[in-house]
C-alpha atoms as a PDB file:
ATOM      1  CA  UNK A   1      70.884 109.578  62.151  1.00  0.00           C
ATOM      2  CA  UNK A   2      68.155 107.970  64.204  1.00  0.00           C
ATOM      3  CA  UNK A   3      69.075 107.545  67.850  1.00  0.00           C
ATOM      4  CA  UNK A   4      67.459 105.428  70.549  1.00  0.00           C
ATOM      5  CA  UNK A   5      68.330 106.401  74.133  1.00  0.00           C
ATOM      6  CA  UNK A   6      68.114 104.290  77.274  1.00  0.00           C
ATOM      7  CA  UNK A   7      68.685 105.372  80.878  1.00  0.00           C
ATOM      8  CA  UNK A   8      69.509 102.996  83.728  1.00  0.00           C
ATOM      9  CA  UNK A   9      69.787 104.150  87.353  1.00  0.00           C
ATOM     10  CA  UNK A  10      69.489 107.708  86.075  1.00  0.00           C
ATOM     11  CA  UNK A  11      66.630 110.137  85.467  1.00  0.00           C
ATOM     12  CA  UNK A  12      65.787 110.975  81.861  1.00  0.00           C
ATOM     13  CA  UNK A  13      67.450 114.232  80.845  1.00  0.00           C
ATOM     14  CA  UNK A  14      66.291 116.010  77.679  1.00  0.00           C
ATOM     15  CA  UNK A  15      69.354 118.267  77.648  1.00  0.00           C
ATOM     16  CA  UNK A  16      71.688 115.259  77.748  1.00  0.00           C
ATOM     17  CA  UNK A  17      69.788 113.584  74.902  1.00  0.00           C
ATOM     18  CA  UNK A  18      69.867 116.768  72.800  1.00  0.00           C
ATOM     19  CA  UNK A  19      73.582 117.231  73.471  1.00  0.00           C
ATOM     20  CA  UNK A  20      74.318 113.655  72.423  1.00  0.00           C
ATOM     21  CA  UNK A  21      72.235 113.973  69.247  1.00  0.00           C
ATOM     22  CA  UNK A  22      73.950 117.255  68.377  1.00  0.00           C
ATOM     23  CA  UNK A  23      77.426 115.747  68.830  1.00  0.00           C
ATOM     24  CA  UNK A  24      76.481 112.658  66.811  1.00  0.00           C
ATOM     25  CA  UNK A  25      75.143 114.815  63.958  1.00  0.00           C
ATOM     26  CA  UNK A  26      78.513 116.582  63.815  1.00  0.00           C
ATOM     27  CA  UNK A  27      80.413 113.340  63.214  1.00  0.00           C
ATOM     28  CA  UNK A  28      77.627 111.691  61.201  1.00  0.00           C
ATOM     29  CA  UNK A  29      78.974 113.383  58.090  1.00  0.00           C
ATOM     30  CA  UNK A  30      81.888 110.932  58.069  1.00  0.00           C
ATOM     31  CA  UNK A  31      79.573 107.975  57.562  1.00  0.00           C
ATOM     32  CA  UNK A  32      79.187 106.880  53.974  1.00  0.00           C
ATOM     33  CA  UNK A  33      75.582 105.834  54.464  1.00  0.00           C
ATOM     34  CA  UNK A  34      72.882 106.637  56.965  1.00  0.00           C
ATOM     35  CA  UNK A  35      72.735 104.455  60.027  1.00  0.00           C
ATOM     36  CA  UNK A  36      70.881 104.115  63.274  1.00  0.00           C
ATOM     37  CA  UNK A  37      72.309 104.183  66.744  1.00  0.00           C
ATOM     38  CA  UNK A  38      71.551 103.446  70.334  1.00  0.00           C
ATOM     39  CA  UNK A  39      72.817 105.318  73.365  1.00  0.00           C
ATOM     40  CA  UNK A  40      72.894 103.730  76.800  1.00  0.00           C
ATOM     41  CA  UNK A  41      73.348 105.984  79.838  1.00  0.00           C
ATOM     42  CA  UNK A  42      73.939 104.434  83.251  1.00  0.00           C
ATOM     43  CA  UNK A  43      75.359 105.425  86.593  1.00  0.00           C
ATOM     44  CA  UNK A  44      77.362 103.325  89.017  1.00  0.00           C
ATOM     45  CA  UNK A  45      78.174 104.860  92.385  1.00  0.00           C
ATOM     46  CA  UNK A  46      79.849 108.110  91.325  1.00  0.00           C
ATOM     47  CA  UNK A  47      80.632 107.497  87.629  1.00  0.00           C
ATOM     48  CA  UNK A  48      78.528 107.883  84.525  1.00  0.00           C
ATOM     49  CA  UNK A  49      78.816 105.248  81.832  1.00  0.00           C
ATOM     50  CA  UNK A  50      77.897 106.078  78.240  1.00  0.00           C
ATOM     51  CA  UNK A  51      77.793 103.408  75.548  1.00  0.00           C
ATOM     52  CA  UNK A  52      77.043 104.365  71.958  1.00  0.00           C
ATOM     53  CA  UNK A  53      76.601 101.852  69.171  1.00  0.00           C
ATOM     54  CA  UNK A  54      75.982 102.726  65.527  1.00  0.00           C
ATOM     55  CA  UNK A  55      74.903 100.218  62.915  1.00  0.00           C
ATOM     56  CA  UNK A  56      75.290 100.945  59.191  1.00  0.00           C
ATOM     57  CA  UNK A  57      75.280  98.794  56.101  1.00  0.00           C
ATOM     58  CA  UNK A  58      79.071  98.704  56.003  1.00  0.00           C
ATOM     59  CA  UNK A  59      80.000  98.163  59.604  1.00  0.00           C
ATOM     60  CA  UNK A  60      79.037  98.106  63.276  1.00  0.00           C
ATOM     61  CA  UNK A  61      80.633 100.754  65.508  1.00  0.00           C
ATOM     62  CA  UNK A  62      80.707 100.763  69.306  1.00  0.00           C
ATOM     63  CA  UNK A  63      82.294 102.999  71.930  1.00  0.00           C
ATOM     64  CA  UNK A  64      81.963 103.330  75.677  1.00  0.00           C
ATOM     65  CA  UNK A  65      83.459 105.585  78.312  1.00  0.00           C
ATOM     66  CA  UNK A  66      83.288 106.306  82.032  1.00  0.00           C
ATOM     67  CA  UNK A  67      83.537 109.722  83.636  1.00  0.00           C
ATOM     68  CA  UNK A  68      82.426 111.702  86.652  1.00  0.00           C
ATOM     69  CA  UNK A  69      80.608 114.124  84.317  1.00  0.00           C
ATOM     70  CA  UNK A  70      77.992 112.748  81.911  1.00  0.00           C
ATOM     71  CA  UNK A  71      78.792 115.325  79.225  1.00  0.00           C
ATOM     72  CA  UNK A  72      82.503 114.480  79.385  1.00  0.00           C
ATOM     73  CA  UNK A  73      81.642 110.805  78.955  1.00  0.00           C
ATOM     74  CA  UNK A  74      79.551 111.664  75.888  1.00  0.00           C
ATOM     75  CA  UNK A  75      82.443 113.691  74.451  1.00  0.00           C
ATOM     76  CA  UNK A  76      84.870 110.816  74.985  1.00  0.00           C
ATOM     77  CA  UNK A  77      82.510 108.342  73.285  1.00  0.00           C
ATOM     78  CA  UNK A  78      81.953 110.658  70.345  1.00  0.00           C
ATOM     79  CA  UNK A  79      85.703 111.139  69.931  1.00  0.00           C
ATOM     80  CA  UNK A  80      86.215 107.370  69.849  1.00  0.00           C
ATOM     81  CA  UNK A  81      83.449 106.950  67.280  1.00  0.00           C
ATOM     82  CA  UNK A  82      84.848 109.780  65.170  1.00  0.00           C
ATOM     83  CA  UNK A  83      88.187 107.969  64.928  1.00  0.00           C
ATOM     84  CA  UNK A  84      86.408 104.781  63.888  1.00  0.00           C
ATOM     85  CA  UNK A  85      84.298 106.622  61.285  1.00  0.00           C
ATOM     86  CA  UNK A  86      87.334 108.378  59.805  1.00  0.00           C
ATOM     87  CA  UNK A  87      89.325 105.160  59.611  1.00  0.00           C
ATOM     88  CA  UNK A  88      86.491 103.317  57.877  1.00  0.00           C
ATOM     89  CA  UNK A  89      85.658 106.130  55.449  1.00  0.00           C
ATOM     90  CA  UNK A  90      89.347 106.481  54.542  1.00  0.00           C
ATOM     91  CA  UNK A  91      89.549 102.752  53.929  1.00  0.00           C
ATOM     92  CA  UNK A  92      86.508 102.785  51.629  1.00  0.00           C
ATOM     93  CA  UNK A  93      87.454 105.978  49.777  1.00  0.00           C
ATOM     94  CA  UNK A  94      91.145 105.209  49.224  1.00  0.00           C
ATOM     95  CA  UNK A  95      90.652 101.595  48.261  1.00  0.00           C
ATOM     96  CA  UNK A  96      91.144 101.071  44.552  1.00  0.00           C
ATOM     97  CA  UNK A  97      91.650  98.086  42.370  1.00  0.00           C
ATOM     98  CA  UNK A  98      95.308  98.265  41.360  1.00  0.00           C
ATOM     99  CA  UNK A  99      94.620  97.258  37.773  1.00  0.00           C
ATOM    100  CA  UNK A 100      92.348 100.288  37.311  1.00  0.00           C
ATOM    101  CA  UNK A 101      94.952 102.850  38.400  1.00  0.00           C
ATOM    102  CA  UNK A 102      97.557 104.267  36.047  1.00  0.00           C
ATOM    103  CA  UNK A 103     100.472 102.751  37.948  1.00  0.00           C
ATOM    104  CA  UNK A 104      98.769  99.388  38.083  1.00  0.00           C
ATOM    105  CA  UNK A 105      98.285  99.305  34.316  1.00  0.00           C
ATOM    106  CA  UNK A 106     101.949 100.248  33.751  1.00  0.00           C
ATOM    107  CA  UNK A 107     103.103  97.504  36.113  1.00  0.00           C
ATOM    108  CA  UNK A 108     100.843  95.013  34.376  1.00  0.00           C
ATOM    109  CA  UNK A 109     102.216  96.006  30.941  1.00  0.00           C
ATOM    110  CA  UNK A 110     105.807  95.669  32.210  1.00  0.00           C
ATOM    111  CA  UNK A 111     105.043  92.204  33.572  1.00  0.00           C
ATOM    112  CA  UNK A 112     103.583  91.152  30.211  1.00  0.00           C
ATOM    113  CA  UNK A 113     106.650  92.461  28.352  1.00  0.00           C
ATOM    114  CA  UNK A 114     109.015  90.618  30.693  1.00  0.00           C
ATOM    115  CA  UNK A 115     107.011  87.413  30.298  1.00  0.00           C
ATOM    116  CA  UNK A 116     107.096  87.620  26.485  1.00  0.00           C
END
């Protein structure tokens, strides 16, 4: 997954960028298609804010979190995105047309017999 990082009121940190990319690669397997994302790091007074948005062909995902530790904020964002990815992939994988399943065909045949 291609990631674009932005820092506001914070010095650029290669280790933070690498950590974020590593965590996003771990959950990227749940996406059905490849996407691109943007990560926005900012700091207000004593809290770090991390906002991650991922855009794919199917859907747009966004998560944000605040924490005293930047790495904890990244972990919280990634956990939120993982839940969204799992929910979406489950929806796409488990969705079937009822008339194509075995039960759906049986129900359709029973309806036709009752109608006749």
